[in-house]
C-alpha atoms as a PDB file:
ATOM      1  CA  UNK A   1       0.000   0.000   0.000  1.00  0.00           C
ATOM      2  CA  UNK A   2       2.917   2.340   0.631  1.00  0.00           C
ATOM      3  CA  UNK A   3       3.640   2.567  -3.099  1.00  0.00           C
ATOM      4  CA  UNK A   4       0.003   2.880  -4.175  1.00  0.00           C
ATOM      5  CA  UNK A   5      -1.400   6.195  -5.415  1.00  0.00           C
ATOM      6  CA  UNK A   6      -3.329   8.132  -2.738  1.00  0.00           C
ATOM      7  CA  UNK A   7      -6.728   7.382  -4.332  1.00  0.00           C
ATOM      8  CA  UNK A   8      -6.057   3.610  -4.141  1.00  0.00           C
ATOM      9  CA  UNK A   9      -5.006   3.867  -0.496  1.00  0.00           C
ATOM     10  CA  UNK A  10      -8.085   5.957   0.329  1.00  0.00           C
ATOM     11  CA  UNK A  11     -10.374   3.459  -1.386  1.00  0.00           C
ATOM     12  CA  UNK A  12      -8.763   0.619   0.602  1.00  0.00           C
ATOM     13  CA  UNK A  13      -9.312   2.518   3.872  1.00  0.00           C
ATOM     14  CA  UNK A  14     -12.960   3.137   2.909  1.00  0.00           C
ATOM     15  CA  UNK A  15     -13.408  -0.598   2.266  1.00  0.00           C
ATOM     16  CA  UNK A  16     -11.990  -1.479   5.690  1.00  0.00           C
ATOM     17  CA  UNK A  17     -14.203   1.053   7.448  1.00  0.00           C
ATOM     18  CA  UNK A  18     -17.315   0.075   5.469  1.00  0.00           C
ATOM     19  CA  UNK A  19     -16.872  -3.647   6.154  1.00  0.00           C
ATOM     20  CA  UNK A  20     -16.223  -3.118   9.856  1.00  0.00           C
ATOM     21  CA  UNK A  21     -19.220  -0.803  10.198  1.00  0.00           C
ATOM     22  CA  UNK A  22     -21.526  -3.186   8.297  1.00  0.00           C
ATOM     23  CA  UNK A  23     -20.414  -6.109  10.488  1.00  0.00           C
ATOM     24  CA  UNK A  24     -20.933  -4.264  13.770  1.00  0.00           C
ATOM     25  CA  UNK A  25     -24.364  -3.062  12.604  1.00  0.00           C
ATOM     26  CA  UNK A  26     -25.285  -6.673  11.754  1.00  0.00           C
ATOM     27  CA  UNK A  27     -24.400  -7.505  15.369  1.00  0.00           C
ATOM     28  CA  UNK A  28     -26.624  -4.668  16.588  1.00  0.00           C
ATOM     29  CA  UNK A  29     -23.605  -2.917  18.123  1.00  0.00           C
ATOM     30  CA  UNK A  30     -22.845  -0.259  15.524  1.00  0.00           C
ATOM     31  CA  UNK A  31     -20.070   2.155  16.400  1.00  0.00           C
ATOM     32  CA  UNK A  32     -20.150   0.969  20.025  1.00  0.00           C
ATOM     33  CA  UNK A  33     -18.066  -2.058  18.973  1.00  0.00           C
ATOM     34  CA  UNK A  34     -14.300  -1.505  19.135  1.00  0.00           C
ATOM     35  CA  UNK A  35     -13.199  -1.635  15.479  1.00  0.00           C
ATOM     36  CA  UNK A  36      -9.636  -2.512  16.514  1.00  0.00           C
ATOM     37  CA  UNK A  37     -10.963  -5.983  17.433  1.00  0.00           C
ATOM     38  CA  UNK A  38     -11.662  -6.637  13.740  1.00  0.00           C
ATOM     39  CA  UNK A  39      -8.878  -7.502  11.264  1.00  0.00           C
ATOM     40  CA  UNK A  40      -9.584  -7.616   7.547  1.00  0.00           C
ATOM     41  CA  UNK A  41      -7.304  -8.847   4.765  1.00  0.00           C
ATOM     42  CA  UNK A  42      -8.920  -7.874   1.469  1.00  0.00           C
ATOM     43  CA  UNK A  43      -6.335  -9.804  -0.568  1.00  0.00           C
ATOM     44  CA  UNK A  44      -7.510 -13.106   0.964  1.00  0.00           C
ATOM     45  CA  UNK A  45     -11.091 -12.087   1.885  1.00  0.00           C
ATOM     46  CA  UNK A  46     -10.406 -13.102   5.458  1.00  0.00           C
ATOM     47  CA  UNK A  47     -11.807 -11.453   8.558  1.00  0.00           C
ATOM     48  CA  UNK A  48     -10.882 -12.139  12.150  1.00  0.00           C
ATOM     49  CA  UNK A  49     -12.474 -10.846  15.325  1.00  0.00           C
ATOM     50  CA  UNK A  50     -10.438 -10.957  18.525  1.00  0.00           C
ATOM     51  CA  UNK A  51      -7.886 -13.049  16.600  1.00  0.00           C
ATOM     52  CA  UNK A  52     -10.402 -15.758  15.648  1.00  0.00           C
ATOM     53  CA  UNK A  53     -11.515 -16.397  12.037  1.00  0.00           C
ATOM     54  CA  UNK A  54     -15.035 -15.083  11.483  1.00  0.00           C
ATOM     55  CA  UNK A  55     -17.687 -17.628  10.470  1.00  0.00           C
ATOM     56  CA  UNK A  56     -21.452 -17.505  10.062  1.00  0.00           C
ATOM     57  CA  UNK A  57     -21.630 -14.280   8.047  1.00  0.00           C
ATOM     58  CA  UNK A  58     -22.037 -13.314   4.412  1.00  0.00           C
ATOM     59  CA  UNK A  59     -20.524 -10.018   3.243  1.00  0.00           C
ATOM     60  CA  UNK A  60     -21.460  -8.273   0.008  1.00  0.00           C
ATOM     61  CA  UNK A  61     -19.133  -5.467  -1.042  1.00  0.00           C
ATOM     62  CA  UNK A  62     -20.528  -3.329  -3.850  1.00  0.00           C
ATOM     63  CA  UNK A  63     -19.670  -0.373  -6.019  1.00  0.00           C
ATOM     64  CA  UNK A  64     -22.364   1.600  -7.765  1.00  0.00           C
ATOM     65  CA  UNK A  65     -22.308   4.783  -9.827  1.00  0.00           C
ATOM     66  CA  UNK A  66     -24.536   7.579  -8.548  1.00  0.00           C
ATOM     67  CA  UNK A  67     -25.612  10.391 -10.835  1.00  0.00           C
ATOM     68  CA  UNK A  68     -25.914  13.771  -9.197  1.00  0.00           C
ATOM     69  CA  UNK A  69     -28.573  16.377 -10.156  1.00  0.00           C
ATOM     70  CA  UNK A  70     -25.976  18.386 -12.111  1.00  0.00           C
ATOM     71  CA  UNK A  71     -25.363  15.414 -14.421  1.00  0.00           C
ATOM     72  CA  UNK A  72     -22.079  14.346 -12.880  1.00  0.00           C
ATOM     73  CA  UNK A  73     -21.305  10.886 -11.640  1.00  0.00           C
ATOM     74  CA  UNK A  74     -19.778   9.557  -8.422  1.00  0.00           C
ATOM     75  CA  UNK A  75     -18.677   6.065  -7.538  1.00  0.00           C
ATOM     76  CA  UNK A  76     -20.096   4.853  -4.246  1.00  0.00           C
ATOM     77  CA  UNK A  77     -18.870   1.824  -2.344  1.00  0.00           C
ATOM     78  CA  UNK A  78     -20.668   0.034   0.435  1.00  0.00           C
ATOM     79  CA  UNK A  79     -21.230  -3.283   2.138  1.00  0.00           C
ATOM     80  CA  UNK A  80     -24.086  -5.391   3.389  1.00  0.00           C
ATOM     81  CA  UNK A  81     -23.689  -8.134   5.948  1.00  0.00           C
ATOM     82  CA  UNK A  82     -26.065 -10.977   6.664  1.00  0.00           C
ATOM     83  CA  UNK A  83     -25.826 -13.289   9.659  1.00  0.00           C
ATOM     84  CA  UNK A  84     -26.245 -16.886   8.521  1.00  0.00           C
ATOM     85  CA  UNK A  85     -28.426 -19.424  10.358  1.00  0.00           C
ATOM     86  CA  UNK A  86     -25.402 -21.674  10.964  1.00  0.00           C
ATOM     87  CA  UNK A  87     -22.787 -19.805  13.013  1.00  0.00           C
ATOM     88  CA  UNK A  88     -20.153 -22.314  11.831  1.00  0.00           C
ATOM     89  CA  UNK A  89     -20.823 -21.692   8.129  1.00  0.00           C
ATOM     90  CA  UNK A  90     -17.728 -20.510   6.250  1.00  0.00           C
ATOM     91  CA  UNK A  91     -17.320 -16.784   5.827  1.00  0.00           C
ATOM     92  CA  UNK A  92     -18.479 -15.531   2.435  1.00  0.00           C
ATOM     93  CA  UNK A  93     -17.151 -12.269   0.963  1.00  0.00           C
ATOM     94  CA  UNK A  94     -18.348 -11.219  -2.496  1.00  0.00           C
ATOM     95  CA  UNK A  95     -17.496  -8.029  -4.371  1.00  0.00           C
ATOM     96  CA  UNK A  96     -19.519  -6.785  -7.309  1.00  0.00           C
ATOM     97  CA  UNK A  97     -20.328  -3.791  -9.433  1.00  0.00           C
ATOM     98  CA  UNK A  98     -24.001  -3.062  -8.879  1.00  0.00           C
ATOM     99  CA  UNK A  99     -26.661  -1.757 -11.232  1.00  0.00           C
ATOM    100  CA  UNK A 100     -29.918  -0.111 -10.119  1.00  0.00           C
ATOM    101  CA  UNK A 101     -32.840  -2.517 -10.230  1.00  0.00           C
ATOM    102  CA  UNK A 102     -30.540  -5.521 -10.053  1.00  0.00           C
ATOM    103  CA  UNK A 103     -31.407  -8.283  -7.613  1.00  0.00           C
ATOM    104  CA  UNK A 104     -28.499 -10.082  -5.980  1.00  0.00           C
ATOM    105  CA  UNK A 105     -29.592 -12.979  -3.800  1.00  0.00           C
ATOM    106  CA  UNK A 106     -30.750 -11.101  -0.675  1.00  0.00           C
ATOM    107  CA  UNK A 107     -30.125  -7.505  -1.829  1.00  0.00           C
ATOM    108  CA  UNK A 108     -31.905  -5.329  -4.376  1.00  0.00           C
ATOM    109  CA  UNK A 109     -30.089  -2.244  -5.637  1.00  0.00           C
ATOM    110  CA  UNK A 110     -32.611   0.565  -5.950  1.00  0.00           C
ATOM    111  CA  UNK A 111     -32.152   4.171  -7.000  1.00  0.00           C
ATOM    112  CA  UNK A 112     -32.316   6.186  -3.749  1.00  0.00           C
ATOM    113  CA  UNK A 113     -34.398   8.892  -5.425  1.00  0.00           C
ATOM    114  CA  UNK A 114     -37.206   6.428  -6.202  1.00  0.00           C
ATOM    115  CA  UNK A 115     -37.122   5.129  -2.632  1.00  0.00           C
ATOM    116  CA  UNK A 116     -37.319   8.692  -1.268  1.00  0.00           C
ATOM    117  CA  UNK A 117     -40.100   9.668  -3.696  1.00  0.00           C
ATOM    118  CA  UNK A 118     -42.141   6.611  -2.670  1.00  0.00           C
ATOM    119  CA  UNK A 119     -41.787   7.432   1.021  1.00  0.00           C
ATOM    120  CA  UNK A 120     -43.060  11.020   0.754  1.00  0.00           C
END
């Protein structure tokens, strides 16, 4: 990472934060959980908590392009985490480029404007 351009390093840091935050929210702890207890190696898709390999969770990392009202475009990255019924199930980490309206197993990618319009 030391030799990577700043934008690559920043994106990597965002991934770490996003995955940790999604995991702690799936636990119902949110930011009250000490993030330093979680170790993530994106190159091997491995996650440990308190030094123990994490099992029983499915992680979905996604990138999606958002169009702003001025016609520009921004890349957004995020993560969803689902606790699996079997706590011993192997950890699953998937990364994908998302498209609005696309259904991916347990997640549907919807345009936030349509969700907001429907709620008003």
